[in-house]
Amino acid sequence: MKVILADILGYCMGVRCAMEKAENALEKFEGKNVYSLGPLIHNENALNSLKQKGLKILSENDFKNAEDSSVVIIRAHGVSPEVLKVLEEKKCTIINATCPRVVASQKNAEKFSKKGFKIILAGDKNHGEVTGIQGYAGSKFNLVENVSDALNFSFSEEGEASVLLSQTTFSPGEFEKISQILFEKNKKLKILNTICPATKERQDSLFKLCEKVDGILVVGGKKSANTKRLLESAKKICKKADLIEDSSEIKPEFFNLKTVGITAGASTPDSVIQEVKNALEKS
């Protein structure tokens, strides 16, 4: 069997930075309670590795349960300013591992909200990044999840001051469609494409890979938005495609293919990708 890796796959800059900050915190504050507020990233293999080193994960709804003066890592998806305020009042040591691109979106939401703009975010309901940005936008926040939502969206008046942002891991194609629909309704709409280039790079790399293989394995967390979108794209352009978290989930049919391509979400560790590659090549 021939196994081909996508040109671009695995950890993005923001995820790698968050993992490094967590590793450093566990070493620096050994003996203290070190929490991640929500799963640091959407990958169980990576999280289990950190848990074995002492990381504890607090549900995003349970942030008030962090002990005073404990260490709290803000995950790559970010949190609302209200959450940060509570942690500061509890005198926690806050290690902010929010992806820099998410921070930029938070700042834009806050800036335009203060100017009185309606904030429209193209994103997934209840996603951690979306919840955090909503906190910065306040009452001006509006969520559009898909084309259907965009078609049903209405502005309170013609030319209403509004800005469209995007979840960093949102589908580029879907965002383009949403942008066009909303702009037709409001010609003064400001459109800020805040999708992380890493998302598009992985999608583009996947398209090239599909031309060379009989099947695609997307390696990554099943709760990861960008990983699920890789699978959606792979299913559209490749005869066989599946999402797995590690080599134990490879279906027998993939071992019978002549050529298998591997891509991986932006929160997938290099070690897991290599493990999947080794398992296929040994078949």
Protein backbone atom coordinates (compact mmCIF):
# COMPACT_ATOMS: atom_id res chain seq x y z
CA MET A 1 0.00 0.00 0.00
CA LYS A 2 1.09 3.54 -0.76
CA VAL A 3 0.33 6.18 1.88
CA ILE A 4 0.45 9.88 0.97
CA LEU A 5 0.29 12.70 3.50
CA ALA A 6 -1.38 16.01 2.67
CA ASP A 7 1.14 18.81 2.12
CA ILE A 8 -0.37 20.74 5.04
CA LEU A 9 -1.94 18.93 7.99
CA GLY A 10 -1.94 18.75 11.77
CA TYR A 11 -1.19 21.42 14.37
CA CYS A 12 -1.76 25.02 13.38
CA MET A 13 0.18 27.88 14.97
CA GLY A 14 -2.51 28.67 17.57
CA VAL A 15 -2.89 25.07 18.75
CA ARG A 16 0.84 24.46 18.95
CA CYS A 17 1.20 27.65 21.02
CA ALA A 18 -1.62 26.58 23.39
CA MET A 19 -0.06 23.14 23.91
CA GLU A 20 3.36 24.67 24.63
CA LYS A 21 1.86 27.10 27.17
CA ALA A 22 0.06 24.22 28.92
CA GLU A 23 3.22 22.09 29.04
CA ASN A 24 5.21 25.00 30.47
CA ALA A 25 2.53 25.80 33.07
CA LEU A 26 2.39 22.21 34.31
CA GLU A 27 6.16 22.25 34.76
CA LYS A 28 6.36 25.73 36.30
CA PHE A 29 3.45 25.29 38.73
CA GLU A 30 4.05 21.67 39.68
CA GLY A 31 2.20 20.90 42.90
CA LYS A 32 -0.52 23.51 42.28
CA ASN A 33 -3.92 22.98 40.69
CA VAL A 34 -3.59 23.78 36.99
CA TYR A 35 -6.87 23.99 35.08
CA SER A 36 -7.84 24.34 31.46
CA LEU A 37 -11.09 26.24 31.15
CA GLY A 38 -12.89 23.88 28.81
CA PRO A 39 -10.88 21.41 26.70
CA LEU A 40 -7.66 23.19 25.72
CA ILE A 41 -8.04 21.97 22.13
CA HIS A 42 -10.46 19.57 20.44
CA ASN A 43 -8.33 16.43 20.45
CA GLU A 44 -8.70 13.68 23.03
CA ASN A 45 -5.23 12.20 22.44
CA ALA A 46 -3.53 15.52 23.12
CA LEU A 47 -5.75 16.21 26.13
CA ASN A 48 -5.10 12.79 27.66
CA SER A 49 -1.37 13.43 27.42
CA LEU A 50 -1.79 16.70 29.38
CA LYS A 51 -4.12 15.08 31.93
CA GLN A 52 -1.48 12.46 32.68
CA LYS A 53 0.87 15.32 33.51
CA GLY A 54 -1.64 16.84 35.93
CA LEU A 55 -3.88 19.13 33.90
CA LYS A 56 -7.44 19.36 35.19
CA ILE A 57 -10.28 20.46 32.93
CA LEU A 58 -13.03 22.71 34.21
CA SER A 59 -16.28 22.91 32.26
CA GLU A 60 -16.78 26.37 30.79
CA ASN A 61 -19.92 26.63 32.92
CA ASP A 62 -17.98 25.77 36.08
CA PHE A 63 -15.26 28.43 35.90
CA LYS A 64 -16.48 29.90 39.20
CA ASN A 65 -15.43 26.64 40.88
CA ALA A 66 -11.74 27.29 40.29
CA GLU A 67 -10.08 27.70 43.69
CA ASP A 68 -8.74 31.11 44.61
CA SER A 69 -5.12 31.57 43.49
CA SER A 70 -5.19 28.49 41.26
CA VAL A 71 -3.69 28.43 37.76
CA VAL A 72 -6.16 28.68 34.88
CA ILE A 73 -5.27 28.28 31.22
CA ILE A 74 -7.59 29.99 28.76
CA ARG A 75 -7.96 27.60 25.87
CA ALA A 76 -7.24 28.35 22.21
CA HIS A 77 -10.90 29.21 21.53
CA GLY A 78 -10.89 32.04 24.07
CA VAL A 79 -13.49 33.15 26.63
CA SER A 80 -15.72 36.15 27.28
CA PRO A 81 -14.46 39.19 29.27
CA GLU A 82 -16.92 38.31 32.05
CA VAL A 83 -15.10 35.01 32.62
CA LEU A 84 -11.73 36.75 32.78
CA LYS A 85 -13.10 39.24 35.31
CA VAL A 86 -14.27 36.48 37.66
CA LEU A 87 -10.91 34.70 37.48
CA GLU A 88 -9.08 37.95 38.19
CA GLU A 89 -11.29 38.58 41.24
CA LYS A 90 -10.38 35.09 42.49
CA LYS A 91 -6.72 36.06 42.14
CA CYS A 92 -6.06 33.19 39.76
CA THR A 93 -2.89 33.04 37.71
CA ILE A 94 -4.29 33.36 34.20
CA ILE A 95 -2.35 31.91 31.28
CA ASN A 96 -4.05 33.13 28.13
CA ALA A 97 -3.57 30.59 25.34
CA THR A 98 -6.25 32.11 23.11
CA CYS A 99 -5.25 31.84 19.45
CA PRO A 100 -3.99 35.26 18.24
CA ARG A 101 -6.47 35.14 15.35
CA VAL A 102 -9.35 34.61 17.77
CA VAL A 103 -8.07 37.52 19.87
CA ALA A 104 -8.21 39.69 16.73
CA SER A 105 -11.86 38.72 16.21
CA GLN A 106 -12.67 39.47 19.85
CA LYS A 107 -11.13 42.93 19.49
CA ASN A 108 -13.05 43.62 16.29
CA ALA A 109 -16.33 42.56 17.91
CA GLU A 110 -15.66 44.85 20.88
CA LYS A 111 -14.52 47.80 18.74
CA PHE A 112 -17.47 47.74 16.35
CA SER A 113 -19.96 47.07 19.15
CA LYS A 114 -18.79 50.22 20.96
CA LYS A 115 -19.35 52.15 17.71
CA GLY A 116 -22.96 50.95 17.65
CA PHE A 117 -22.57 48.42 14.85
CA LYS A 118 -24.68 45.28 14.61
CA ILE A 119 -22.22 42.38 14.96
CA ILE A 120 -22.95 39.39 12.73
CA LEU A 121 -20.81 36.29 13.22
CA ALA A 122 -20.80 33.38 10.77
CA GLY A 123 -20.18 30.40 13.04
CA ASP A 124 -21.38 27.31 14.87
CA LYS A 125 -23.84 27.69 17.74
CA ASN A 126 -22.34 26.91 21.17
CA HIS A 127 -18.79 26.66 19.79
CA GLY A 128 -16.31 27.96 22.38
CA GLU A 129 -14.87 30.60 20.07
CA VAL A 130 -18.35 31.87 19.19
CA THR A 131 -19.37 32.11 22.86
CA GLY A 132 -16.25 34.12 23.68
CA ILE A 133 -16.72 36.57 20.79
CA GLN A 134 -20.37 37.01 21.78
CA GLY A 135 -19.16 38.22 25.17
CA TYR A 136 -17.16 40.98 23.50
CA ALA A 137 -20.01 41.96 21.15
CA GLY A 138 -22.64 42.10 23.91
CA SER A 139 -26.23 42.90 22.96
CA LYS A 140 -25.19 43.74 19.38
CA PHE A 141 -24.36 40.07 18.68
CA ASN A 142 -26.12 38.06 15.96
CA LEU A 143 -25.20 34.52 14.87
CA VAL A 144 -25.61 33.21 11.32
CA GLU A 145 -24.82 29.50 11.07
CA ASN A 146 -25.51 28.85 7.39
CA VAL A 147 -27.00 30.09 4.12
CA SER A 148 -30.53 29.44 5.36
CA ASP A 149 -29.95 31.75 8.35
CA ALA A 150 -28.54 34.40 6.03
CA LEU A 151 -31.60 34.25 3.77
CA ASN A 152 -33.85 34.74 6.79
CA PHE A 153 -31.72 37.49 8.34
CA SER A 154 -33.11 41.01 8.37
CA PHE A 155 -31.66 44.43 9.13
CA SER A 156 -33.72 46.89 11.17
CA GLU A 157 -33.22 49.63 8.59
CA GLU A 158 -31.70 50.19 5.18
CA GLY A 159 -27.95 50.73 5.41
CA GLU A 160 -27.84 49.81 9.11
CA ALA A 161 -24.27 50.00 10.49
CA SER A 162 -23.26 46.35 10.55
CA VAL A 163 -20.15 44.19 10.33
CA LEU A 164 -19.82 40.52 9.37
CA LEU A 165 -17.10 38.44 11.04
CA SER A 166 -16.39 34.72 10.90
CA GLN A 167 -15.45 31.93 13.26
CA THR A 168 -11.80 31.22 12.42
CA THR A 169 -12.54 27.59 11.48
CA PHE A 170 -15.67 28.30 9.40
CA SER A 171 -16.05 26.94 5.87
CA PRO A 172 -14.57 29.49 3.40
CA GLY A 173 -17.14 28.54 0.75
CA GLU A 174 -20.07 28.90 3.15
CA PHE A 175 -18.76 32.25 4.37
CA GLU A 176 -18.57 33.55 0.81
CA LYS A 177 -22.20 32.60 0.16
CA ILE A 178 -23.36 34.17 3.44
CA SER A 179 -21.39 37.35 2.64
CA GLN A 180 -23.05 37.72 -0.76
CA ILE A 181 -26.56 37.19 0.61
CA LEU A 182 -26.16 39.69 3.46
CA PHE A 183 -24.44 42.28 1.27
CA GLU A 184 -27.39 42.19 -1.12
CA LYS A 185 -29.62 43.07 1.83
CA ASN A 186 -27.32 45.81 3.13
CA LYS A 187 -24.87 47.45 0.71
CA LYS A 188 -23.14 49.22 3.62
CA LEU A 189 -22.29 45.96 5.40
CA LYS A 190 -18.61 45.74 6.38
CA ILE A 191 -17.26 42.26 5.63
CA LEU A 192 -14.20 41.06 7.56
CA ASN A 193 -13.12 37.58 6.54
CA THR A 194 -11.61 36.36 9.82
CA ILE A 195 -11.24 32.72 8.76
CA CYS A 196 -7.79 31.48 9.69
CA PRO A 197 -5.62 30.80 6.60
CA ALA A 198 -4.75 27.43 8.17
CA THR A 199 -8.33 26.30 7.55
CA LYS A 200 -8.21 27.13 3.83
CA GLU A 201 -4.66 25.77 3.48
CA ARG A 202 -5.77 22.38 4.81
CA GLN A 203 -8.81 22.37 2.54
CA ASP A 204 -6.73 23.24 -0.54
CA SER A 205 -4.15 20.61 0.36
CA LEU A 206 -6.95 18.04 0.72
CA PHE A 207 -8.27 18.79 -2.78
CA LYS A 208 -4.83 18.14 -4.29
CA LEU A 209 -4.46 14.93 -2.28
CA CYS A 210 -7.80 13.49 -3.42
CA GLU A 211 -6.57 13.45 -7.03
CA LYS A 212 -3.83 10.96 -6.12
CA VAL A 213 -5.57 8.42 -3.83
CA ASP A 214 -8.35 5.82 -3.60
CA GLY A 215 -9.44 6.85 -0.12
CA ILE A 216 -8.92 9.57 2.49
CA LEU A 217 -8.51 9.26 6.23
CA VAL A 218 -9.10 12.48 8.15
CA VAL A 219 -7.31 12.21 11.50
CA GLY A 220 -8.55 14.36 14.36
CA GLY A 221 -10.99 15.01 17.16
CA LYS A 222 -14.64 14.33 16.42
CA LYS A 223 -15.60 17.55 18.23
CA SER A 224 -13.21 19.66 16.14
CA ALA A 225 -15.01 22.01 13.75
CA ASN A 226 -12.19 22.25 11.20
CA THR A 227 -11.66 18.47 11.25
CA LYS A 228 -15.34 17.78 10.60
CA ARG A 229 -15.26 20.22 7.68
CA LEU A 230 -12.27 18.38 6.21
CA LEU A 231 -14.35 15.20 6.31
CA GLU A 232 -17.31 16.92 4.64
CA SER A 233 -15.06 18.09 1.81
CA ALA A 234 -13.34 14.71 1.46
CA LYS A 235 -16.69 12.92 1.13
CA LYS A 236 -17.68 15.22 -1.73
CA ILE A 237 -14.59 14.60 -3.83
CA CYS A 238 -13.29 11.16 -2.86
CA LYS A 239 -14.92 7.71 -3.17
CA LYS A 240 -13.98 6.69 0.35
CA ALA A 241 -13.46 9.02 3.30
CA ASP A 242 -13.62 8.57 7.04
CA LEU A 243 -12.79 10.46 10.23
CA ILE A 244 -10.70 8.67 12.85
CA GLU A 245 -9.13 9.78 16.12
CA ASP A 246 -6.30 7.23 16.01
CA SER A 247 -5.12 4.07 14.20
CA SER A 248 -7.43 1.78 16.22
CA GLU A 249 -10.41 3.25 14.32
CA ILE A 250 -9.17 2.48 10.79
CA LYS A 251 -11.88 0.44 9.06
CA PRO A 252 -10.79 -2.84 7.37
CA GLU A 253 -11.80 -1.58 3.91
CA PHE A 254 -8.99 1.01 3.97
CA PHE A 255 -6.35 -1.71 4.29
CA ASN A 256 -7.50 -3.11 0.94
CA LEU A 257 -6.91 0.11 -1.01
CA LYS A 258 -3.86 0.65 -3.21
CA THR A 259 -3.33 4.26 -2.21
CA VAL A 260 -4.58 6.02 0.93
CA GLY A 261 -4.29 9.71 1.65
CA ILE A 262 -4.01 11.15 5.16
CA THR A 263 -4.99 14.63 6.23
CA ALA A 264 -5.52 15.92 9.75
CA GLY A 265 -7.28 18.71 11.61
CA ALA A 266 -5.48 21.69 13.06
CA SER A 267 -5.53 20.17 16.58
CA THR A 268 -4.11 16.75 15.68
CA PRO A 269 -0.68 15.87 17.15
CA ASP A 270 2.12 14.83 14.78
CA SER A 271 2.57 11.60 16.75
CA VAL A 272 -1.01 10.46 16.04
CA ILE A 273 -0.65 11.20 12.32
CA GLN A 274 2.55 9.15 12.20
CA GLU A 275 0.89 6.30 14.10
CA VAL A 276 -1.91 6.10 11.51
CA LYS A 277 0.62 6.18 8.66
CA ASN A 278 2.65 3.37 10.23
CA ALA A 279 -0.44 1.21 10.77
CA LEU A 280 -1.45 1.49 7.11
CA GLU A 281 2.06 0.82 5.78
CA LYS A 282 2.38 -2.34 7.89
CA SER A 283 -0.77 -3.86 6.41
